[in-house]
Amino acid sequence: MSTYVRQLLGHKPPVIHSITPDSTVFEAISLMAELEIGALLVMDKEHPVGIISERDYTRKVILMDRSSKTTTVGEIMSKNIIYVTPEDDINECMNLMSANNIRHLPVLKDGHVSGVISIMDVIRSIISDKEFIIEQLESYITG
């Protein structure tokens, strides 16, 4: 049994939280805190140009003794966007996240962002799939 990204997105609100590259890091961190999320997609109009995470903030602002009120998102964002499509398998997403040490994956369909999935979304889905398989096996054994 495989779960696909499109199924996972079907259980999430269709909202894409983003910020522009010319916004300040302070604005990005404030928005993440307000939304209780760990990363924002960085968009130039409708095109993704990067991603900024709490990890970027700690490593590229705090540890470098920079000011979050004067540093722009574009200066510290991760520009190499690793993304998936709605047709990708959740297990492939887990492997991609693990191999690249990332926690968020934008989902692109026909060049447009259709959502973002987090490592927690993927873990919950994998656990749910495993629980279903266990239930089926228990039913088979006792049935």
N, C-alpha and C. Protein backbone atom coordinates (compact mmCIF):
# COMPACT_ATOMS: atom_id res chain seq x y z
N MET A 1 0.85 -1.18 0.00
CA MET A 1 0.00 0.00 0.00
C MET A 1 0.90 1.25 0.00
N SER A 2 0.69 2.09 -0.95
CA SER A 2 1.47 3.33 -1.04
C SER A 2 0.57 4.53 -0.87
N THR A 3 1.08 5.52 -0.19
CA THR A 3 0.39 6.79 -0.07
C THR A 3 1.16 7.78 -0.92
N TYR A 4 0.43 8.64 -1.60
CA TYR A 4 1.05 9.62 -2.48
C TYR A 4 0.87 11.02 -1.92
N VAL A 5 1.73 11.93 -2.36
CA VAL A 5 1.70 13.31 -1.89
C VAL A 5 0.31 13.92 -2.09
N ARG A 6 -0.34 13.64 -3.21
CA ARG A 6 -1.67 14.22 -3.47
C ARG A 6 -2.67 13.82 -2.38
N GLN A 7 -2.55 12.60 -1.87
CA GLN A 7 -3.45 12.15 -0.80
C GLN A 7 -3.16 12.92 0.50
N LEU A 8 -1.89 13.13 0.76
CA LEU A 8 -1.48 13.85 1.95
C LEU A 8 -1.97 15.30 1.89
N LEU A 9 -1.83 15.93 0.71
CA LEU A 9 -2.30 17.31 0.54
C LEU A 9 -3.81 17.42 0.70
N GLY A 10 -4.51 16.34 0.38
CA GLY A 10 -5.97 16.34 0.51
C GLY A 10 -6.45 16.48 1.94
N HIS A 11 -5.56 16.21 2.90
CA HIS A 11 -5.90 16.31 4.32
C HIS A 11 -5.42 17.61 4.95
N LYS A 12 -4.81 18.47 4.13
CA LYS A 12 -4.28 19.74 4.64
C LYS A 12 -5.07 20.90 4.04
N PRO A 13 -5.15 22.02 4.78
CA PRO A 13 -5.80 23.21 4.19
C PRO A 13 -5.01 23.65 2.95
N PRO A 14 -5.69 24.15 1.93
CA PRO A 14 -5.01 24.52 0.68
C PRO A 14 -4.30 25.88 0.74
N VAL A 15 -3.73 26.21 1.88
CA VAL A 15 -3.06 27.50 2.07
C VAL A 15 -1.56 27.31 1.93
N ILE A 16 -0.93 28.21 1.19
CA ILE A 16 0.52 28.18 1.04
C ILE A 16 1.08 29.41 1.73
N HIS A 17 1.83 29.19 2.78
CA HIS A 17 2.42 30.30 3.53
C HIS A 17 3.74 30.68 2.88
N SER A 18 3.85 31.96 2.51
CA SER A 18 5.07 32.39 1.82
C SER A 18 5.43 33.82 2.21
N ILE A 19 6.61 34.21 1.75
CA ILE A 19 7.13 35.55 1.99
C ILE A 19 7.97 35.92 0.77
N THR A 20 8.26 37.19 0.61
CA THR A 20 9.06 37.63 -0.53
C THR A 20 10.54 37.71 -0.15
N PRO A 21 11.43 37.64 -1.13
CA PRO A 21 12.87 37.70 -0.82
C PRO A 21 13.32 39.04 -0.24
N ASP A 22 12.57 40.11 -0.51
CA ASP A 22 12.98 41.42 0.01
C ASP A 22 12.39 41.72 1.39
N SER A 23 11.62 40.81 1.94
CA SER A 23 11.13 40.96 3.32
C SER A 23 12.30 40.77 4.28
N THR A 24 12.17 41.32 5.48
CA THR A 24 13.24 41.13 6.46
C THR A 24 13.10 39.76 7.11
N VAL A 25 14.21 39.29 7.64
CA VAL A 25 14.20 38.02 8.37
C VAL A 25 13.30 38.14 9.59
N PHE A 26 13.29 39.30 10.21
CA PHE A 26 12.41 39.53 11.36
C PHE A 26 10.94 39.29 10.97
N GLU A 27 10.54 39.81 9.81
CA GLU A 27 9.16 39.59 9.33
C GLU A 27 8.89 38.11 9.10
N ALA A 28 9.86 37.41 8.54
CA ALA A 28 9.69 35.97 8.28
C ALA A 28 9.55 35.19 9.57
N ILE A 29 10.44 35.46 10.53
CA ILE A 29 10.40 34.75 11.81
C ILE A 29 9.11 35.07 12.57
N SER A 30 8.68 36.32 12.50
CA SER A 30 7.42 36.72 13.15
C SER A 30 6.24 35.97 12.55
N LEU A 31 6.22 35.85 11.22
CA LEU A 31 5.13 35.14 10.54
C LEU A 31 5.16 33.65 10.90
N MET A 32 6.34 33.06 10.93
CA MET A 32 6.44 31.64 11.31
C MET A 32 5.94 31.42 12.74
N ALA A 33 6.29 32.34 13.64
CA ALA A 33 5.84 32.22 15.03
C ALA A 33 4.33 32.35 15.11
N GLU A 34 3.77 33.32 14.38
CA GLU A 34 2.32 33.52 14.38
C GLU A 34 1.58 32.30 13.85
N LEU A 35 2.13 31.69 12.80
CA LEU A 35 1.48 30.54 12.17
C LEU A 35 1.86 29.21 12.81
N GLU A 36 2.83 29.26 13.74
CA GLU A 36 3.36 28.06 14.40
C GLU A 36 3.88 27.04 13.39
N ILE A 37 4.71 27.54 12.46
CA ILE A 37 5.34 26.69 11.45
C ILE A 37 6.84 26.93 11.46
N GLY A 38 7.59 26.02 10.85
CA GLY A 38 9.04 26.10 10.89
C GLY A 38 9.71 26.59 9.63
N ALA A 39 8.93 26.86 8.59
CA ALA A 39 9.53 27.31 7.33
C ALA A 39 8.49 28.04 6.49
N LEU A 40 8.99 28.89 5.62
CA LEU A 40 8.15 29.61 4.67
C LEU A 40 8.73 29.47 3.27
N LEU A 41 7.87 29.32 2.32
CA LEU A 41 8.30 29.34 0.93
C LEU A 41 8.60 30.79 0.57
N VAL A 42 9.66 31.02 -0.17
CA VAL A 42 10.00 32.37 -0.61
C VAL A 42 9.56 32.47 -2.07
N MET A 43 8.65 33.43 -2.31
CA MET A 43 8.05 33.55 -3.63
C MET A 43 8.36 34.91 -4.25
N ASP A 44 8.66 34.89 -5.54
CA ASP A 44 8.78 36.10 -6.35
C ASP A 44 7.59 36.05 -7.29
N LYS A 45 6.57 36.83 -6.97
CA LYS A 45 5.26 36.76 -7.62
C LYS A 45 4.70 35.36 -7.39
N GLU A 46 4.52 34.57 -8.44
CA GLU A 46 3.96 33.23 -8.26
C GLU A 46 5.01 32.13 -8.35
N HIS A 47 6.29 32.52 -8.41
CA HIS A 47 7.36 31.55 -8.60
C HIS A 47 8.17 31.35 -7.32
N PRO A 48 8.35 30.08 -6.93
CA PRO A 48 9.20 29.82 -5.75
C PRO A 48 10.66 30.07 -6.09
N VAL A 49 11.34 30.84 -5.24
CA VAL A 49 12.76 31.15 -5.45
C VAL A 49 13.62 30.65 -4.30
N GLY A 50 13.00 30.15 -3.25
CA GLY A 50 13.76 29.65 -2.11
C GLY A 50 12.84 29.22 -0.99
N ILE A 51 13.46 28.86 0.10
CA ILE A 51 12.73 28.49 1.30
C ILE A 51 13.55 29.00 2.49
N ILE A 52 12.87 29.52 3.49
CA ILE A 52 13.55 30.00 4.70
C ILE A 52 12.99 29.23 5.88
N SER A 53 13.89 28.77 6.73
CA SER A 53 13.48 27.98 7.88
C SER A 53 14.08 28.57 9.16
N GLU A 54 13.59 28.09 10.28
CA GLU A 54 14.16 28.49 11.56
C GLU A 54 15.64 28.13 11.61
N ARG A 55 15.99 27.04 10.97
CA ARG A 55 17.39 26.61 10.91
C ARG A 55 18.24 27.63 10.17
N ASP A 56 17.72 28.18 9.06
CA ASP A 56 18.45 29.24 8.34
C ASP A 56 18.67 30.44 9.25
N TYR A 57 17.65 30.79 10.00
CA TYR A 57 17.73 31.93 10.91
C TYR A 57 18.83 31.73 11.95
N THR A 58 18.82 30.57 12.60
CA THR A 58 19.80 30.36 13.66
C THR A 58 21.23 30.29 13.13
N ARG A 59 21.40 29.68 11.99
CA ARG A 59 22.76 29.50 11.46
C ARG A 59 23.29 30.69 10.67
N LYS A 60 22.40 31.43 10.01
CA LYS A 60 22.86 32.49 9.11
C LYS A 60 22.61 33.90 9.64
N VAL A 61 21.90 34.00 10.74
CA VAL A 61 21.67 35.32 11.34
C VAL A 61 22.25 35.33 12.76
N ILE A 62 21.68 34.55 13.64
CA ILE A 62 22.09 34.54 15.04
C ILE A 62 23.57 34.20 15.19
N LEU A 63 24.00 33.09 14.63
CA LEU A 63 25.39 32.66 14.79
C LEU A 63 26.39 33.54 14.04
N MET A 64 25.90 34.30 13.05
CA MET A 64 26.77 35.20 12.29
C MET A 64 26.69 36.63 12.83
N ASP A 65 25.97 36.79 13.95
CA ASP A 65 25.81 38.09 14.61
C ASP A 65 25.25 39.16 13.66
N ARG A 66 24.23 38.76 12.88
CA ARG A 66 23.58 39.69 11.96
C ARG A 66 22.27 40.16 12.59
N SER A 67 21.72 41.21 12.06
CA SER A 67 20.45 41.73 12.56
C SER A 67 19.29 41.19 11.74
N SER A 68 18.31 40.64 12.43
CA SER A 68 17.14 40.11 11.72
C SER A 68 16.26 41.22 11.16
N LYS A 69 16.43 42.44 11.68
CA LYS A 69 15.62 43.56 11.19
C LYS A 69 16.21 44.23 9.96
N THR A 70 17.48 43.97 9.67
CA THR A 70 18.09 44.57 8.47
C THR A 70 18.50 43.53 7.42
N THR A 71 18.56 42.28 7.81
CA THR A 71 18.91 41.22 6.86
C THR A 71 17.66 40.79 6.12
N THR A 72 17.76 40.65 4.80
CA THR A 72 16.60 40.24 4.01
C THR A 72 16.53 38.71 3.91
N VAL A 73 15.34 38.24 3.67
CA VAL A 73 15.11 36.81 3.46
C VAL A 73 15.97 36.31 2.30
N GLY A 74 16.06 37.09 1.23
CA GLY A 74 16.84 36.70 0.07
C GLY A 74 18.31 36.47 0.37
N GLU A 75 18.83 37.12 1.41
CA GLU A 75 20.24 36.97 1.77
C GLU A 75 20.53 35.63 2.45
N ILE A 76 19.55 35.06 3.12
CA ILE A 76 19.83 33.84 3.89
C ILE A 76 19.01 32.62 3.46
N MET A 77 18.04 32.79 2.59
CA MET A 77 17.18 31.67 2.20
C MET A 77 17.99 30.57 1.51
N SER A 78 17.47 29.37 1.58
CA SER A 78 18.04 28.25 0.83
C SER A 78 17.51 28.36 -0.59
N LYS A 79 18.42 28.53 -1.53
CA LYS A 79 18.01 28.76 -2.92
C LYS A 79 17.82 27.48 -3.72
N ASN A 80 18.47 26.42 -3.29
CA ASN A 80 18.34 25.15 -3.99
C ASN A 80 17.08 24.45 -3.47
N ILE A 81 15.98 24.69 -4.15
CA ILE A 81 14.70 24.14 -3.70
C ILE A 81 14.58 22.69 -4.14
N ILE A 82 14.43 21.82 -3.18
CA ILE A 82 14.14 20.42 -3.46
C ILE A 82 12.63 20.28 -3.33
N TYR A 83 12.00 19.76 -4.37
CA TYR A 83 10.55 19.69 -4.36
C TYR A 83 10.08 18.32 -4.83
N VAL A 84 8.79 18.08 -4.64
CA VAL A 84 8.16 16.84 -5.09
C VAL A 84 6.92 17.21 -5.89
N THR A 85 6.31 16.21 -6.51
CA THR A 85 5.06 16.40 -7.25
C THR A 85 3.95 15.66 -6.51
N PRO A 86 2.70 15.96 -6.85
CA PRO A 86 1.60 15.25 -6.19
C PRO A 86 1.62 13.74 -6.42
N GLU A 87 2.30 13.29 -7.46
CA GLU A 87 2.33 11.87 -7.79
C GLU A 87 3.47 11.11 -7.12
N ASP A 88 4.30 11.80 -6.34
CA ASP A 88 5.40 11.12 -5.66
C ASP A 88 4.89 10.33 -4.47
N ASP A 89 5.57 9.23 -4.19
CA ASP A 89 5.26 8.34 -3.08
C ASP A 89 5.81 8.94 -1.78
N ILE A 90 5.07 8.78 -0.70
CA ILE A 90 5.47 9.33 0.59
C ILE A 90 6.80 8.74 1.07
N ASN A 91 7.04 7.46 0.79
CA ASN A 91 8.31 6.85 1.18
C ASN A 91 9.47 7.50 0.44
N GLU A 92 9.26 7.87 -0.81
CA GLU A 92 10.29 8.58 -1.57
C GLU A 92 10.55 9.95 -0.94
N CYS A 93 9.50 10.60 -0.47
CA CYS A 93 9.65 11.89 0.21
C CYS A 93 10.50 11.75 1.46
N MET A 94 10.24 10.70 2.24
CA MET A 94 11.02 10.45 3.46
C MET A 94 12.49 10.26 3.11
N ASN A 95 12.76 9.47 2.08
CA ASN A 95 14.15 9.24 1.65
C ASN A 95 14.80 10.54 1.20
N LEU A 96 14.07 11.36 0.46
CA LEU A 96 14.58 12.64 -0.03
C LEU A 96 14.89 13.59 1.12
N MET A 97 13.98 13.65 2.08
CA MET A 97 14.19 14.52 3.24
C MET A 97 15.37 14.05 4.07
N SER A 98 15.48 12.76 4.27
CA SER A 98 16.59 12.21 5.06
C SER A 98 17.92 12.43 4.35
N ALA A 99 17.97 12.16 3.06
CA ALA A 99 19.22 12.29 2.31
C ALA A 99 19.72 13.72 2.24
N ASN A 100 18.78 14.69 2.26
CA ASN A 100 19.15 16.10 2.13
C ASN A 100 19.06 16.87 3.44
N ASN A 101 18.72 16.16 4.53
CA ASN A 101 18.62 16.77 5.86
C ASN A 101 17.71 18.00 5.86
N ILE A 102 16.52 17.81 5.29
CA ILE A 102 15.53 18.90 5.22
C ILE A 102 14.23 18.45 5.88
N ARG A 103 13.41 19.43 6.25
CA ARG A 103 12.16 19.13 6.95
C ARG A 103 10.92 19.56 6.19
N HIS A 104 11.09 20.25 5.08
CA HIS A 104 9.94 20.75 4.32
C HIS A 104 10.16 20.54 2.82
N LEU A 105 9.11 20.12 2.14
CA LEU A 105 9.18 19.91 0.70
C LEU A 105 8.02 20.64 0.02
N PRO A 106 8.33 21.61 -0.82
CA PRO A 106 7.27 22.22 -1.63
C PRO A 106 6.76 21.17 -2.63
N VAL A 107 5.49 21.27 -2.96
CA VAL A 107 4.88 20.38 -3.94
C VAL A 107 4.55 21.22 -5.16
N LEU A 108 5.15 20.85 -6.30
CA LEU A 108 4.92 21.58 -7.54
C LEU A 108 4.17 20.73 -8.53
N LYS A 109 3.19 21.35 -9.15
CA LYS A 109 2.42 20.69 -10.21
C LYS A 109 2.35 21.68 -11.37
N ASP A 110 2.84 21.26 -12.52
CA ASP A 110 2.87 22.10 -13.72
C ASP A 110 3.55 23.44 -13.45
N GLY A 111 4.61 23.41 -12.66
CA GLY A 111 5.39 24.61 -12.38
C GLY A 111 4.80 25.53 -11.32
N HIS A 112 3.66 25.16 -10.76
CA HIS A 112 3.00 25.98 -9.74
C HIS A 112 3.00 25.25 -8.40
N VAL A 113 3.14 26.00 -7.33
CA VAL A 113 3.14 25.42 -5.99
C VAL A 113 1.71 25.03 -5.62
N SER A 114 1.56 23.77 -5.24
CA SER A 114 0.23 23.33 -4.82
C SER A 114 0.19 23.00 -3.32
N GLY A 115 1.32 23.14 -2.65
CA GLY A 115 1.35 22.90 -1.22
C GLY A 115 2.77 22.70 -0.73
N VAL A 116 2.89 22.49 0.57
CA VAL A 116 4.17 22.19 1.21
C VAL A 116 3.89 21.09 2.21
N ILE A 117 4.75 20.06 2.21
CA ILE A 117 4.60 19.01 3.21
C ILE A 117 5.81 19.05 4.14
N SER A 118 5.56 18.68 5.37
CA SER A 118 6.63 18.69 6.38
C SER A 118 7.01 17.25 6.72
N ILE A 119 8.12 17.11 7.40
CA ILE A 119 8.56 15.79 7.85
C ILE A 119 7.51 15.17 8.75
N MET A 120 6.82 15.98 9.55
CA MET A 120 5.77 15.44 10.43
C MET A 120 4.59 14.92 9.63
N ASP A 121 4.23 15.59 8.53
CA ASP A 121 3.17 15.08 7.66
C ASP A 121 3.53 13.70 7.13
N VAL A 122 4.78 13.57 6.69
CA VAL A 122 5.26 12.31 6.12
C VAL A 122 5.29 11.22 7.18
N ILE A 123 5.82 11.53 8.36
CA ILE A 123 5.90 10.53 9.43
C ILE A 123 4.50 10.06 9.83
N ARG A 124 3.57 11.00 10.00
CA ARG A 124 2.19 10.61 10.37
C ARG A 124 1.59 9.68 9.33
N SER A 125 1.82 9.98 8.05
CA SER A 125 1.29 9.17 6.97
C SER A 125 1.89 7.76 6.97
N ILE A 126 3.19 7.68 7.16
CA ILE A 126 3.86 6.38 7.18
C ILE A 126 3.38 5.55 8.37
N ILE A 127 3.24 6.18 9.54
CA ILE A 127 2.74 5.47 10.72
C ILE A 127 1.32 4.96 10.48
N SER A 128 0.48 5.80 9.89
CA SER A 128 -0.89 5.41 9.59
C SER A 128 -0.93 4.22 8.64
N ASP A 129 -0.08 4.25 7.62
CA ASP A 129 -0.01 3.13 6.67
C ASP A 129 0.41 1.84 7.38
N LYS A 130 1.40 1.94 8.26
CA LYS A 130 1.89 0.76 8.98
C LYS A 130 0.81 0.22 9.93
N GLU A 131 0.08 1.12 10.60
CA GLU A 131 -1.00 0.69 11.49
C GLU A 131 -2.09 -0.05 10.71
N PHE A 132 -2.39 0.43 9.51
CA PHE A 132 -3.39 -0.21 8.67
C PHE A 132 -2.94 -1.62 8.28
N ILE A 133 -1.68 -1.75 7.90
CA ILE A 133 -1.14 -3.06 7.53
C ILE A 133 -1.18 -4.02 8.71
N ILE A 134 -0.84 -3.53 9.90
CA ILE A 134 -0.88 -4.37 11.10
C ILE A 134 -2.30 -4.83 11.38
N GLU A 135 -3.27 -3.91 11.27
CA GLU A 135 -4.68 -4.28 11.47
C GLU A 135 -5.11 -5.36 10.47
N GLN A 136 -4.72 -5.20 9.22
CA GLN A 136 -5.08 -6.17 8.20
C GLN A 136 -4.46 -7.55 8.49
N LEU A 137 -3.19 -7.55 8.92
CA LEU A 137 -2.53 -8.80 9.25
C LEU A 137 -3.17 -9.47 10.46
N GLU A 138 -3.51 -8.67 11.49
CA GLU A 138 -4.18 -9.22 12.67
C GLU A 138 -5.52 -9.81 12.30
N SER A 139 -6.25 -9.11 11.44
CA SER A 139 -7.56 -9.60 11.00
C SER A 139 -7.41 -10.90 10.21
N TYR A 140 -6.39 -10.98 9.38
CA TYR A 140 -6.15 -12.18 8.58
C TYR A 140 -5.81 -13.36 9.49
N ILE A 141 -4.93 -13.09 10.49
CA ILE A 141 -4.50 -14.15 11.37
C ILE A 141 -5.63 -14.67 12.25
N THR A 142 -6.44 -13.75 12.81
CA THR A 142 -7.51 -14.15 13.72
C THR A 142 -8.80 -14.50 12.99
N GLY A 143 -8.90 -14.14 11.71
CA GLY A 143 -10.13 -14.31 10.95
C GLY A 143 -10.26 -15.66 10.40
